[in-house]
N, C-alpha and C. Protein backbone atom coordinates (compact mmCIF):
# COMPACT_ATOMS: atom_id res chain seq x y z
N MET A 1 -13.09 31.12 20.81
CA MET A 1 -13.77 30.02 21.48
C MET A 1 -15.24 30.04 21.10
N ALA A 2 -15.75 28.89 20.63
CA ALA A 2 -17.13 28.84 20.16
C ALA A 2 -18.09 28.93 21.33
N MET A 3 -19.21 29.61 21.07
CA MET A 3 -20.23 29.78 22.09
C MET A 3 -21.29 28.71 21.94
N PRO A 4 -21.68 28.01 23.02
CA PRO A 4 -22.77 27.07 22.92
C PRO A 4 -24.08 27.80 22.71
N ASP A 5 -25.07 27.11 22.13
CA ASP A 5 -26.32 27.75 21.77
C ASP A 5 -27.01 28.40 22.96
N ASP A 6 -27.08 27.67 24.10
CA ASP A 6 -27.81 28.22 25.24
C ASP A 6 -27.12 29.44 25.81
N ALA A 7 -25.79 29.52 25.73
CA ALA A 7 -25.08 30.68 26.23
C ALA A 7 -25.20 31.86 25.27
N SER A 8 -25.25 31.58 23.94
CA SER A 8 -25.25 32.67 22.97
C SER A 8 -26.57 33.42 22.95
N VAL A 9 -27.65 32.80 23.38
CA VAL A 9 -28.94 33.48 23.37
C VAL A 9 -29.37 33.89 24.77
N ALA A 10 -28.50 33.76 25.74
CA ALA A 10 -28.85 34.13 27.11
C ALA A 10 -29.13 35.62 27.19
N PRO A 11 -30.08 36.03 28.03
CA PRO A 11 -30.42 37.45 28.13
C PRO A 11 -29.28 38.25 28.75
N ALA A 12 -29.28 39.56 28.45
CA ALA A 12 -28.33 40.47 29.08
C ALA A 12 -28.71 40.64 30.55
N SER A 13 -27.90 41.39 31.29
CA SER A 13 -28.15 41.53 32.72
C SER A 13 -29.46 42.23 33.02
N ASP A 14 -29.99 43.00 32.04
CA ASP A 14 -31.27 43.67 32.26
C ASP A 14 -32.45 42.86 31.74
N GLY A 15 -32.19 41.62 31.29
CA GLY A 15 -33.27 40.74 30.85
C GLY A 15 -33.54 40.77 29.36
N ARG A 16 -32.95 41.72 28.62
CA ARG A 16 -33.17 41.79 27.18
C ARG A 16 -32.35 40.73 26.45
N ILE A 17 -32.88 40.22 25.33
CA ILE A 17 -32.13 39.32 24.46
C ILE A 17 -31.30 40.17 23.51
N PRO A 18 -29.98 40.01 23.50
CA PRO A 18 -29.15 40.87 22.64
C PRO A 18 -29.44 40.62 21.16
N GLY A 19 -29.36 41.70 20.37
CA GLY A 19 -29.43 41.58 18.92
C GLY A 19 -28.08 41.16 18.38
N PRO A 20 -27.93 41.11 17.05
CA PRO A 20 -26.66 40.66 16.45
C PRO A 20 -25.44 41.43 16.94
N ARG A 21 -25.55 42.76 17.00
CA ARG A 21 -24.41 43.56 17.45
C ARG A 21 -24.13 43.32 18.93
N GLY A 22 -25.20 43.28 19.72
CA GLY A 22 -25.02 43.02 21.14
C GLY A 22 -24.44 41.64 21.40
N LEU A 23 -24.90 40.66 20.62
CA LEU A 23 -24.38 39.31 20.77
C LEU A 23 -22.90 39.24 20.42
N ALA A 24 -22.51 39.97 19.38
CA ALA A 24 -21.09 40.01 19.01
C ALA A 24 -20.25 40.62 20.12
N THR A 25 -20.77 41.68 20.74
CA THR A 25 -20.06 42.30 21.85
C THR A 25 -19.95 41.34 23.03
N ARG A 26 -21.06 40.69 23.34
CA ARG A 26 -21.08 39.74 24.46
C ARG A 26 -20.08 38.61 24.22
N ASN A 27 -20.07 38.07 23.00
CA ASN A 27 -19.14 36.99 22.69
C ASN A 27 -17.69 37.46 22.79
N ARG A 28 -17.44 38.70 22.35
CA ARG A 28 -16.08 39.23 22.44
C ARG A 28 -15.65 39.37 23.90
N LEU A 29 -16.57 39.79 24.75
CA LEU A 29 -16.26 39.89 26.19
C LEU A 29 -15.94 38.52 26.79
N VAL A 30 -16.70 37.50 26.37
CA VAL A 30 -16.43 36.15 26.87
C VAL A 30 -15.07 35.67 26.39
N GLU A 31 -14.76 35.91 25.12
CA GLU A 31 -13.47 35.49 24.57
C GLU A 31 -12.31 36.19 25.29
N CYS A 32 -12.47 37.47 25.58
CA CYS A 32 -11.42 38.19 26.29
C CYS A 32 -11.31 37.71 27.74
N THR A 33 -12.44 37.36 28.34
CA THR A 33 -12.40 36.78 29.69
C THR A 33 -11.59 35.50 29.67
N ALA A 34 -11.82 34.65 28.67
CA ALA A 34 -11.08 33.39 28.57
C ALA A 34 -9.59 33.64 28.39
N ALA A 35 -9.24 34.63 27.57
CA ALA A 35 -7.83 34.92 27.34
C ALA A 35 -7.14 35.44 28.60
N ILE A 36 -7.84 36.27 29.36
CA ILE A 36 -7.23 36.83 30.57
C ILE A 36 -7.17 35.78 31.68
N VAL A 37 -8.19 34.94 31.78
CA VAL A 37 -8.16 33.86 32.78
C VAL A 37 -6.97 32.94 32.56
N ALA A 38 -6.55 32.79 31.30
CA ALA A 38 -5.44 31.89 30.98
C ALA A 38 -4.11 32.38 31.54
N THR A 39 -4.03 33.67 31.87
CA THR A 39 -2.75 34.23 32.32
C THR A 39 -2.84 34.94 33.67
N THR A 40 -4.03 34.98 34.27
CA THR A 40 -4.24 35.78 35.48
C THR A 40 -4.93 34.96 36.56
N PRO A 41 -4.41 34.96 37.79
CA PRO A 41 -5.11 34.29 38.89
C PRO A 41 -6.49 34.88 39.11
N TYR A 42 -7.40 34.07 39.63
CA TYR A 42 -8.77 34.52 39.84
C TYR A 42 -8.81 35.78 40.71
N SER A 43 -7.98 35.82 41.74
CA SER A 43 -8.01 36.95 42.66
C SER A 43 -7.58 38.26 42.00
N ASP A 44 -6.90 38.17 40.86
CA ASP A 44 -6.42 39.37 40.18
C ASP A 44 -7.28 39.75 38.96
N LEU A 45 -8.33 39.01 38.70
CA LEU A 45 -9.19 39.31 37.56
C LEU A 45 -9.93 40.62 37.80
N ARG A 46 -10.00 41.46 36.77
CA ARG A 46 -10.69 42.74 36.89
C ARG A 46 -11.55 42.97 35.65
N VAL A 47 -12.76 43.43 35.89
CA VAL A 47 -13.66 43.74 34.78
C VAL A 47 -13.05 44.79 33.87
N THR A 48 -12.36 45.76 34.46
CA THR A 48 -11.76 46.82 33.64
C THR A 48 -10.76 46.25 32.64
N ASP A 49 -9.98 45.24 33.04
CA ASP A 49 -9.01 44.63 32.12
C ASP A 49 -9.71 43.88 30.99
N ILE A 50 -10.79 43.19 31.33
CA ILE A 50 -11.54 42.46 30.31
C ILE A 50 -12.17 43.42 29.31
N ALA A 51 -12.78 44.48 29.84
CA ALA A 51 -13.42 45.46 28.97
C ALA A 51 -12.40 46.12 28.06
N ARG A 52 -11.25 46.47 28.61
CA ARG A 52 -10.21 47.12 27.82
C ARG A 52 -9.74 46.18 26.70
N ALA A 53 -9.55 44.91 27.03
CA ALA A 53 -9.12 43.95 26.01
C ALA A 53 -10.16 43.78 24.92
N ALA A 54 -11.42 43.93 25.27
CA ALA A 54 -12.50 43.80 24.29
C ALA A 54 -12.77 45.08 23.53
N GLY A 55 -12.05 46.15 23.88
CA GLY A 55 -12.24 47.42 23.21
C GLY A 55 -13.52 48.11 23.59
N THR A 56 -13.96 47.89 24.83
CA THR A 56 -15.19 48.52 25.28
C THR A 56 -15.00 49.01 26.71
N SER A 57 -16.09 49.27 27.43
CA SER A 57 -16.01 49.85 28.76
C SER A 57 -16.59 48.91 29.81
N PRO A 58 -16.23 49.09 31.09
CA PRO A 58 -16.86 48.30 32.15
C PRO A 58 -18.38 48.43 32.14
N ALA A 59 -18.89 49.63 31.82
CA ALA A 59 -20.35 49.81 31.78
C ALA A 59 -20.97 48.88 30.75
N THR A 60 -20.30 48.70 29.62
CA THR A 60 -20.81 47.78 28.61
C THR A 60 -20.75 46.34 29.11
N PHE A 61 -19.66 45.99 29.80
CA PHE A 61 -19.56 44.64 30.38
C PHE A 61 -20.77 44.36 31.25
N TYR A 62 -21.14 45.31 32.10
CA TYR A 62 -22.23 45.09 33.04
C TYR A 62 -23.61 45.13 32.36
N GLN A 63 -23.65 45.54 31.12
CA GLN A 63 -24.89 45.41 30.37
C GLN A 63 -25.21 43.94 30.09
N TYR A 64 -24.15 43.12 30.01
CA TYR A 64 -24.32 41.72 29.61
C TYR A 64 -24.13 40.74 30.76
N PHE A 65 -23.40 41.16 31.79
CA PHE A 65 -23.12 40.27 32.91
C PHE A 65 -23.28 41.04 34.21
N VAL A 66 -23.97 40.45 35.17
CA VAL A 66 -24.20 41.15 36.43
C VAL A 66 -22.91 41.30 37.21
N ASP A 67 -21.97 40.39 37.00
CA ASP A 67 -20.68 40.49 37.66
C ASP A 67 -19.67 39.63 36.91
N LEU A 68 -18.44 39.63 37.38
CA LEU A 68 -17.38 38.86 36.72
C LEU A 68 -17.70 37.37 36.70
N ASP A 69 -18.24 36.85 37.81
CA ASP A 69 -18.52 35.42 37.88
C ASP A 69 -19.55 34.99 36.85
N ALA A 70 -20.45 35.89 36.46
CA ALA A 70 -21.44 35.54 35.44
C ALA A 70 -20.77 35.25 34.11
N ALA A 71 -19.73 36.02 33.78
CA ALA A 71 -18.98 35.74 32.56
C ALA A 71 -18.19 34.44 32.69
N LEU A 72 -17.65 34.20 33.86
CA LEU A 72 -16.92 32.96 34.09
C LEU A 72 -17.84 31.75 34.02
N LEU A 73 -19.09 31.93 34.41
CA LEU A 73 -20.05 30.82 34.30
C LEU A 73 -20.32 30.45 32.85
N VAL A 74 -20.25 31.42 31.95
CA VAL A 74 -20.39 31.11 30.53
C VAL A 74 -19.23 30.23 30.08
N LEU A 75 -18.03 30.56 30.52
CA LEU A 75 -16.87 29.72 30.19
C LEU A 75 -17.03 28.33 30.80
N ALA A 76 -17.54 28.27 32.02
CA ALA A 76 -17.77 26.97 32.65
C ALA A 76 -18.78 26.15 31.86
N ALA A 77 -19.81 26.82 31.34
CA ALA A 77 -20.82 26.12 30.54
C ALA A 77 -20.22 25.58 29.25
N GLN A 78 -19.34 26.35 28.63
CA GLN A 78 -18.66 25.87 27.42
C GLN A 78 -17.82 24.64 27.73
N THR A 79 -17.10 24.68 28.84
CA THR A 79 -16.27 23.55 29.23
C THR A 79 -17.13 22.34 29.56
N THR A 80 -18.27 22.57 30.20
CA THR A 80 -19.19 21.48 30.51
C THR A 80 -19.67 20.80 29.24
N GLU A 81 -19.98 21.59 28.23
CA GLU A 81 -20.44 21.04 26.96
C GLU A 81 -19.37 20.15 26.34
N THR A 82 -18.12 20.61 26.37
CA THR A 82 -17.02 19.81 25.83
C THR A 82 -16.80 18.56 26.68
N GLY A 83 -16.92 18.71 28.01
CA GLY A 83 -16.71 17.58 28.90
C GLY A 83 -17.69 16.45 28.70
N ALA A 84 -18.87 16.77 28.18
CA ALA A 84 -19.86 15.72 27.93
C ALA A 84 -19.35 14.71 26.92
N GLN A 85 -18.41 15.13 26.07
CA GLN A 85 -17.87 14.22 25.06
C GLN A 85 -16.92 13.19 25.62
N LEU A 86 -16.53 13.34 26.89
CA LEU A 86 -15.63 12.36 27.50
C LEU A 86 -16.27 10.98 27.57
N ALA A 87 -17.60 10.94 27.63
CA ALA A 87 -18.29 9.65 27.68
C ALA A 87 -18.03 8.83 26.42
N ASP A 88 -17.63 9.48 25.32
CA ASP A 88 -17.34 8.76 24.08
C ASP A 88 -16.15 7.82 24.23
N PHE A 89 -15.29 8.09 25.22
CA PHE A 89 -14.15 7.20 25.44
C PHE A 89 -14.58 5.88 26.10
N ILE A 90 -15.84 5.79 26.51
CA ILE A 90 -16.32 4.61 27.24
C ILE A 90 -17.35 3.83 26.45
N ALA A 91 -18.22 4.53 25.76
CA ALA A 91 -19.33 3.86 25.07
C ALA A 91 -18.82 2.89 24.00
N GLU A 92 -19.44 1.73 23.98
CA GLU A 92 -19.19 0.71 22.96
C GLU A 92 -17.72 0.30 22.88
N ARG A 93 -17.06 0.25 24.01
CA ARG A 93 -15.68 -0.24 24.05
C ARG A 93 -15.63 -1.61 24.71
N ARG A 94 -14.69 -2.42 24.31
CA ARG A 94 -14.45 -3.70 24.97
C ARG A 94 -13.53 -3.45 26.17
N TRP A 95 -13.87 -4.08 27.32
CA TRP A 95 -13.16 -3.77 28.54
C TRP A 95 -12.42 -4.96 29.14
N ARG A 96 -12.24 -6.01 28.35
CA ARG A 96 -11.48 -7.16 28.84
C ARG A 96 -10.24 -7.37 27.98
N GLY A 97 -9.24 -7.99 28.59
CA GLY A 97 -8.02 -8.30 27.86
C GLY A 97 -7.27 -7.07 27.40
N LYS A 98 -6.46 -7.26 26.33
CA LYS A 98 -5.65 -6.16 25.82
C LYS A 98 -6.51 -5.01 25.32
N ALA A 99 -7.64 -5.32 24.72
CA ALA A 99 -8.53 -4.26 24.22
C ALA A 99 -9.06 -3.43 25.39
N GLY A 100 -9.37 -4.10 26.50
CA GLY A 100 -9.88 -3.39 27.66
C GLY A 100 -8.84 -2.46 28.26
N TYR A 101 -7.59 -2.94 28.31
CA TYR A 101 -6.55 -2.08 28.87
C TYR A 101 -6.27 -0.91 27.93
N ALA A 102 -6.31 -1.17 26.60
CA ALA A 102 -6.11 -0.08 25.65
C ALA A 102 -7.23 0.96 25.79
N ALA A 103 -8.46 0.50 26.03
CA ALA A 103 -9.57 1.43 26.24
C ALA A 103 -9.35 2.26 27.50
N ALA A 104 -8.83 1.64 28.54
CA ALA A 104 -8.55 2.37 29.78
C ALA A 104 -7.48 3.42 29.55
N ARG A 105 -6.46 3.09 28.78
CA ARG A 105 -5.42 4.08 28.46
C ARG A 105 -5.99 5.23 27.65
N ASP A 106 -6.85 4.91 26.68
CA ASP A 106 -7.46 5.98 25.88
C ASP A 106 -8.28 6.92 26.76
N LEU A 107 -9.00 6.34 27.72
CA LEU A 107 -9.82 7.16 28.62
C LEU A 107 -8.93 8.08 29.45
N VAL A 108 -7.87 7.55 30.00
CA VAL A 108 -6.95 8.36 30.80
C VAL A 108 -6.33 9.47 29.96
N ASP A 109 -5.83 9.12 28.78
CA ASP A 109 -5.19 10.12 27.92
C ASP A 109 -6.19 11.19 27.50
N GLY A 110 -7.39 10.76 27.14
CA GLY A 110 -8.41 11.73 26.72
C GLY A 110 -8.81 12.67 27.83
N PHE A 111 -8.94 12.13 29.04
CA PHE A 111 -9.32 12.96 30.18
C PHE A 111 -8.22 13.97 30.50
N LEU A 112 -6.97 13.53 30.52
CA LEU A 112 -5.87 14.44 30.81
C LEU A 112 -5.75 15.53 29.75
N ASP A 113 -5.95 15.14 28.49
CA ASP A 113 -5.90 16.13 27.41
C ASP A 113 -7.01 17.17 27.56
N PHE A 114 -8.21 16.70 27.89
CA PHE A 114 -9.34 17.61 28.10
C PHE A 114 -9.04 18.58 29.23
N TRP A 115 -8.54 18.07 30.34
CA TRP A 115 -8.30 18.92 31.50
C TRP A 115 -7.22 19.95 31.21
N GLN A 116 -6.16 19.50 30.52
CA GLN A 116 -5.07 20.42 30.20
C GLN A 116 -5.55 21.51 29.24
N ALA A 117 -6.40 21.17 28.29
CA ALA A 117 -6.89 22.13 27.31
C ALA A 117 -7.76 23.21 27.96
N HIS A 118 -8.41 22.87 29.06
CA HIS A 118 -9.33 23.81 29.72
C HIS A 118 -8.86 24.17 31.13
N LEU A 119 -7.58 23.98 31.38
CA LEU A 119 -7.06 24.13 32.74
C LEU A 119 -7.36 25.48 33.39
N PRO A 120 -7.18 26.61 32.72
CA PRO A 120 -7.46 27.89 33.40
C PRO A 120 -8.89 28.00 33.90
N VAL A 121 -9.86 27.61 33.07
CA VAL A 121 -11.26 27.68 33.49
C VAL A 121 -11.55 26.66 34.59
N LEU A 122 -11.00 25.47 34.46
CA LEU A 122 -11.26 24.43 35.45
C LEU A 122 -10.66 24.79 36.81
N ARG A 123 -9.56 25.52 36.80
CA ARG A 123 -9.01 25.99 38.07
C ARG A 123 -9.99 26.92 38.78
N VAL A 124 -10.61 27.80 38.01
CA VAL A 124 -11.60 28.71 38.58
C VAL A 124 -12.82 27.92 39.07
N VAL A 125 -13.28 26.98 38.27
CA VAL A 125 -14.42 26.16 38.66
C VAL A 125 -14.13 25.42 39.96
N ASP A 126 -12.96 24.81 40.06
CA ASP A 126 -12.60 24.08 41.28
C ASP A 126 -12.49 25.03 42.48
N LEU A 127 -11.87 26.18 42.27
CA LEU A 127 -11.70 27.14 43.36
C LEU A 127 -13.05 27.59 43.90
N LEU A 128 -13.95 27.99 43.02
CA LEU A 128 -15.23 28.52 43.48
C LEU A 128 -16.14 27.40 43.98
N THR A 129 -15.95 26.19 43.48
CA THR A 129 -16.67 25.05 44.04
C THR A 129 -16.25 24.81 45.47
N GLU A 130 -14.95 24.86 45.73
CA GLU A 130 -14.43 24.66 47.08
C GLU A 130 -14.91 25.78 48.01
N GLU A 131 -15.13 26.96 47.47
CA GLU A 131 -15.59 28.09 48.29
C GLU A 131 -17.10 28.05 48.51
N GLY A 132 -17.77 27.05 47.94
CA GLY A 132 -19.19 26.86 48.20
C GLY A 132 -20.14 27.51 47.23
N ASP A 133 -19.65 27.96 46.08
CA ASP A 133 -20.53 28.57 45.08
C ASP A 133 -21.31 27.46 44.38
N VAL A 134 -22.61 27.40 44.62
CA VAL A 134 -23.41 26.28 44.11
C VAL A 134 -23.52 26.32 42.59
N ARG A 135 -23.38 27.49 41.97
CA ARG A 135 -23.46 27.58 40.52
C ARG A 135 -22.28 26.86 39.87
N PHE A 136 -21.09 27.06 40.39
CA PHE A 136 -19.92 26.41 39.83
C PHE A 136 -19.87 24.94 40.22
N ARG A 137 -20.39 24.62 41.40
CA ARG A 137 -20.47 23.21 41.78
C ARG A 137 -21.40 22.47 40.82
N ALA A 138 -22.53 23.09 40.49
CA ALA A 138 -23.46 22.46 39.56
C ALA A 138 -22.82 22.27 38.19
N ALA A 139 -22.05 23.26 37.75
CA ALA A 139 -21.37 23.14 36.46
C ALA A 139 -20.36 21.99 36.48
N ARG A 140 -19.65 21.84 37.58
CA ARG A 140 -18.66 20.77 37.69
C ARG A 140 -19.33 19.40 37.71
N VAL A 141 -20.41 19.29 38.47
CA VAL A 141 -21.14 18.02 38.53
C VAL A 141 -21.67 17.65 37.15
N LYS A 142 -22.25 18.63 36.47
CA LYS A 142 -22.79 18.37 35.13
C LYS A 142 -21.69 17.96 34.17
N MET A 143 -20.53 18.59 34.28
CA MET A 143 -19.41 18.30 33.39
C MET A 143 -18.95 16.85 33.53
N LEU A 144 -18.94 16.34 34.76
CA LEU A 144 -18.43 14.99 35.01
C LEU A 144 -19.52 13.93 35.07
N ASN A 145 -20.77 14.36 34.97
CA ASN A 145 -21.86 13.39 35.10
C ASN A 145 -21.88 12.37 33.97
N GLY A 146 -21.65 12.85 32.73
CA GLY A 146 -21.72 11.95 31.59
C GLY A 146 -20.69 10.85 31.66
N ILE A 147 -19.45 11.20 31.93
CA ILE A 147 -18.39 10.19 32.00
C ILE A 147 -18.60 9.25 33.19
N THR A 148 -19.10 9.78 34.30
CA THR A 148 -19.33 8.94 35.47
C THR A 148 -20.45 7.94 35.21
N THR A 149 -21.53 8.40 34.62
CA THR A 149 -22.64 7.51 34.31
C THR A 149 -22.24 6.45 33.30
N ALA A 150 -21.50 6.85 32.25
CA ALA A 150 -21.05 5.89 31.25
C ALA A 150 -20.12 4.85 31.85
N LEU A 151 -19.25 5.29 32.74
CA LEU A 151 -18.33 4.36 33.39
C LEU A 151 -19.09 3.39 34.30
N ALA A 152 -20.09 3.89 35.01
CA ALA A 152 -20.92 3.02 35.86
C ALA A 152 -21.63 1.96 35.03
N GLU A 153 -22.11 2.34 33.86
CA GLU A 153 -22.78 1.37 32.98
C GLU A 153 -21.79 0.31 32.49
N ALA A 154 -20.56 0.73 32.19
CA ALA A 154 -19.55 -0.24 31.76
C ALA A 154 -19.22 -1.21 32.89
N ILE A 155 -19.14 -0.70 34.10
CA ILE A 155 -18.85 -1.57 35.26
C ILE A 155 -20.00 -2.55 35.49
N ALA A 156 -21.24 -2.05 35.38
CA ALA A 156 -22.40 -2.90 35.63
C ALA A 156 -22.52 -4.03 34.62
N SER A 157 -22.05 -3.80 33.40
CA SER A 157 -22.20 -4.82 32.36
C SER A 157 -20.94 -5.63 32.12
N ALA A 158 -19.91 -5.42 32.94
CA ALA A 158 -18.61 -6.05 32.68
C ALA A 158 -18.57 -7.52 33.05
N LYS A 159 -19.40 -7.98 34.01
CA LYS A 159 -19.31 -9.36 34.46
C LYS A 159 -19.99 -10.28 33.44
N PRO A 160 -19.25 -11.21 32.84
CA PRO A 160 -19.82 -12.05 31.77
C PRO A 160 -20.93 -12.97 32.25
N ASP A 161 -20.97 -13.31 33.55
CA ASP A 161 -22.01 -14.21 34.04
C ASP A 161 -23.30 -13.48 34.37
N GLY A 162 -23.30 -12.15 34.18
CA GLY A 162 -24.51 -11.38 34.41
C GLY A 162 -24.79 -11.05 35.86
N SER A 163 -23.94 -11.48 36.79
CA SER A 163 -24.16 -11.18 38.20
C SER A 163 -23.82 -9.73 38.50
N ALA A 164 -24.38 -9.24 39.57
CA ALA A 164 -24.16 -7.85 39.94
C ALA A 164 -22.75 -7.65 40.49
N PRO A 165 -22.12 -6.49 40.24
CA PRO A 165 -20.81 -6.21 40.82
C PRO A 165 -20.88 -6.20 42.35
N ALA A 166 -19.76 -6.47 42.98
CA ALA A 166 -19.72 -6.52 44.44
C ALA A 166 -19.97 -5.15 45.05
N ILE A 167 -19.62 -4.08 44.33
CA ILE A 167 -19.80 -2.71 44.82
C ILE A 167 -20.72 -1.98 43.84
N ASP A 168 -21.50 -1.06 44.37
CA ASP A 168 -22.38 -0.25 43.52
C ASP A 168 -21.57 0.37 42.39
N PRO A 169 -21.93 0.11 41.12
CA PRO A 169 -21.14 0.64 39.99
C PRO A 169 -20.97 2.16 40.02
N MET A 170 -21.99 2.88 40.48
CA MET A 170 -21.88 4.34 40.51
C MET A 170 -20.85 4.78 41.55
N ALA A 171 -20.74 4.03 42.65
CA ALA A 171 -19.73 4.37 43.66
C ALA A 171 -18.33 4.17 43.10
N THR A 172 -18.13 3.05 42.40
CA THR A 172 -16.82 2.80 41.80
C THR A 172 -16.51 3.83 40.73
N ALA A 173 -17.49 4.12 39.87
CA ALA A 173 -17.28 5.09 38.80
C ALA A 173 -16.96 6.47 39.37
N SER A 174 -17.68 6.87 40.41
CA SER A 174 -17.44 8.18 41.02
C SER A 174 -16.03 8.26 41.60
N ALA A 175 -15.58 7.17 42.23
CA ALA A 175 -14.22 7.16 42.79
C ALA A 175 -13.18 7.26 41.68
N LEU A 176 -13.39 6.55 40.57
CA LEU A 176 -12.42 6.57 39.48
C LEU A 176 -12.38 7.93 38.78
N VAL A 177 -13.54 8.53 38.56
CA VAL A 177 -13.57 9.85 37.92
C VAL A 177 -12.97 10.91 38.84
N SER A 178 -13.22 10.78 40.14
CA SER A 178 -12.60 11.70 41.10
C SER A 178 -11.08 11.58 41.05
N MET A 179 -10.59 10.35 40.91
CA MET A 179 -9.15 10.14 40.77
C MET A 179 -8.62 10.85 39.53
N LEU A 180 -9.30 10.66 38.40
CA LEU A 180 -8.87 11.30 37.17
C LEU A 180 -8.82 12.83 37.32
N ALA A 181 -9.88 13.38 37.90
CA ALA A 181 -9.96 14.84 38.04
C ALA A 181 -8.88 15.36 38.99
N HIS A 182 -8.64 14.65 40.06
CA HIS A 182 -7.64 15.12 41.03
C HIS A 182 -6.24 15.07 40.43
N VAL A 183 -5.91 13.98 39.78
CA VAL A 183 -4.58 13.87 39.18
C VAL A 183 -4.42 14.91 38.08
N ALA A 184 -5.47 15.09 37.25
CA ALA A 184 -5.38 16.07 36.17
C ALA A 184 -5.17 17.47 36.72
N ALA A 185 -5.85 17.79 37.82
CA ALA A 185 -5.75 19.13 38.39
C ALA A 185 -4.41 19.37 39.10
N HIS A 186 -3.79 18.31 39.58
CA HIS A 186 -2.57 18.46 40.39
C HIS A 186 -1.35 17.82 39.74
N ARG A 187 -1.43 17.63 38.43
CA ARG A 187 -0.33 16.96 37.74
C ARG A 187 0.98 17.72 37.89
N GLU A 188 0.93 19.06 37.81
CA GLU A 188 2.16 19.83 37.92
C GLU A 188 2.82 19.62 39.27
N GLY A 189 2.01 19.55 40.33
CA GLY A 189 2.57 19.30 41.65
C GLY A 189 3.20 17.94 41.76
N MET A 190 2.58 16.96 41.13
CA MET A 190 3.15 15.61 41.16
C MET A 190 4.45 15.55 40.38
N GLU A 191 4.50 16.27 39.25
CA GLU A 191 5.74 16.31 38.49
C GLU A 191 6.85 16.98 39.30
N HIS A 192 6.48 17.96 40.14
CA HIS A 192 7.45 18.62 41.01
C HIS A 192 8.10 17.60 41.94
N TRP A 193 7.33 16.59 42.35
CA TRP A 193 7.86 15.53 43.21
C TRP A 193 8.44 14.37 42.40
N ARG A 194 8.74 14.66 41.13
CA ARG A 194 9.42 13.72 40.23
C ARG A 194 8.60 12.46 39.97
N ILE A 195 7.30 12.61 40.00
CA ILE A 195 6.41 11.53 39.56
C ILE A 195 6.16 11.76 38.08
N GLN A 196 6.56 10.82 37.27
CA GLN A 196 6.48 10.99 35.83
C GLN A 196 5.05 10.79 35.32
N VAL A 197 4.64 11.63 34.38
CA VAL A 197 3.28 11.55 33.83
C VAL A 197 2.99 10.18 33.22
N PRO A 198 3.92 9.57 32.46
CA PRO A 198 3.63 8.23 31.92
C PRO A 198 3.33 7.21 33.02
N GLN A 199 4.00 7.35 34.16
CA GLN A 199 3.74 6.44 35.27
C GLN A 199 2.35 6.71 35.87
N LEU A 200 1.97 7.97 35.95
CA LEU A 200 0.62 8.29 36.42
C LEU A 200 -0.42 7.72 35.47
N GLN A 201 -0.19 7.87 34.18
CA GLN A 201 -1.13 7.34 33.19
C GLN A 201 -1.26 5.82 33.32
N GLU A 202 -0.14 5.17 33.49
CA GLU A 202 -0.14 3.71 33.65
C GLU A 202 -0.91 3.30 34.90
N ALA A 203 -0.64 3.98 36.01
CA ALA A 203 -1.30 3.64 37.26
C ALA A 203 -2.81 3.83 37.16
N MET A 204 -3.24 4.96 36.58
CA MET A 204 -4.68 5.22 36.49
C MET A 204 -5.36 4.26 35.52
N ALA A 205 -4.69 3.93 34.41
CA ALA A 205 -5.28 2.98 33.46
C ALA A 205 -5.48 1.62 34.12
N ARG A 206 -4.52 1.19 34.92
CA ARG A 206 -4.67 -0.10 35.60
C ARG A 206 -5.82 -0.05 36.61
N LEU A 207 -5.93 1.04 37.34
CA LEU A 207 -7.00 1.14 38.32
C LEU A 207 -8.37 1.17 37.65
N ILE A 208 -8.45 1.84 36.51
CA ILE A 208 -9.72 1.85 35.77
C ILE A 208 -10.03 0.45 35.24
N TYR A 209 -9.04 -0.21 34.68
CA TYR A 209 -9.25 -1.57 34.16
C TYR A 209 -9.71 -2.50 35.28
N TRP A 210 -9.04 -2.43 36.40
CA TRP A 210 -9.44 -3.28 37.52
C TRP A 210 -10.82 -2.89 38.05
N GLY A 211 -11.09 -1.60 38.11
CA GLY A 211 -12.37 -1.15 38.61
C GLY A 211 -13.53 -1.62 37.75
N ILE A 212 -13.33 -1.62 36.44
CA ILE A 212 -14.39 -2.07 35.55
C ILE A 212 -14.56 -3.58 35.61
N ASN A 213 -13.47 -4.31 35.72
CA ASN A 213 -13.54 -5.76 35.66
C ASN A 213 -13.75 -6.42 37.03
N ASN A 214 -13.84 -5.61 38.07
CA ASN A 214 -14.25 -6.10 39.39
C ASN A 214 -13.46 -7.32 39.88
N PRO A 215 -12.13 -7.19 40.00
CA PRO A 215 -11.40 -8.33 40.56
C PRO A 215 -11.81 -8.57 42.01
N ARG A 216 -11.89 -9.82 42.37
CA ARG A 216 -12.30 -10.14 43.74
C ARG A 216 -11.18 -9.80 44.72
N VAL A 217 -11.57 -9.40 45.90
CA VAL A 217 -10.62 -9.14 46.97
C VAL A 217 -10.90 -10.10 48.12
N PRO A 218 -9.93 -10.37 48.97
CA PRO A 218 -10.15 -11.32 50.07
C PRO A 218 -11.36 -10.96 50.90
N GLY A 219 -12.18 -11.97 51.22
CA GLY A 219 -13.32 -11.78 52.09
C GLY A 219 -14.58 -11.35 51.38
N THR A 220 -14.56 -11.28 50.03
CA THR A 220 -15.76 -10.88 49.30
C THR A 220 -16.24 -12.02 48.41
């Protein structure tokens, strides 16, 4: 797993900037953390297992990370960097007619693919966010900020007559992105209840299309 620039030059737990060998060790520890997170619940994660997988010792792990969550935050930062690219599914797309619906489907498919590719880390991010850890909450907000802002801009510019949408575009965008994140995180549970993924994709694409194009509702 590639390391983002800001994470690769981050200081060790004692404040020193690692040299080439130290950086290689640190990156190996992060990679092993990612591999173990993919198969181990958060409650069962152990520094000793990560260190053993990296061919080093817990003492070495703590040279680079003050605790296990510090290593997990590096993974969260990597995921956040990748998540910023989700806005590309929105920028410069046509949102009316067949092209608009196709764009909505692309956005849904891209978001689900992103979430599935990073599911182990995102489960940890969601868990610790729910437990009130402000560091992981900040990572989650940053990860979804780009797509939410881009979607709000699409909603704001969707009305051909130039009039303002009936609802604050950021409120609509936040609701739609929250829908995407919730469905992506709980897709397995929905499949357990025999809700087919293609039907979920269809439903979300329609809601996004309608949300962007601001259909009028009675009394508005």
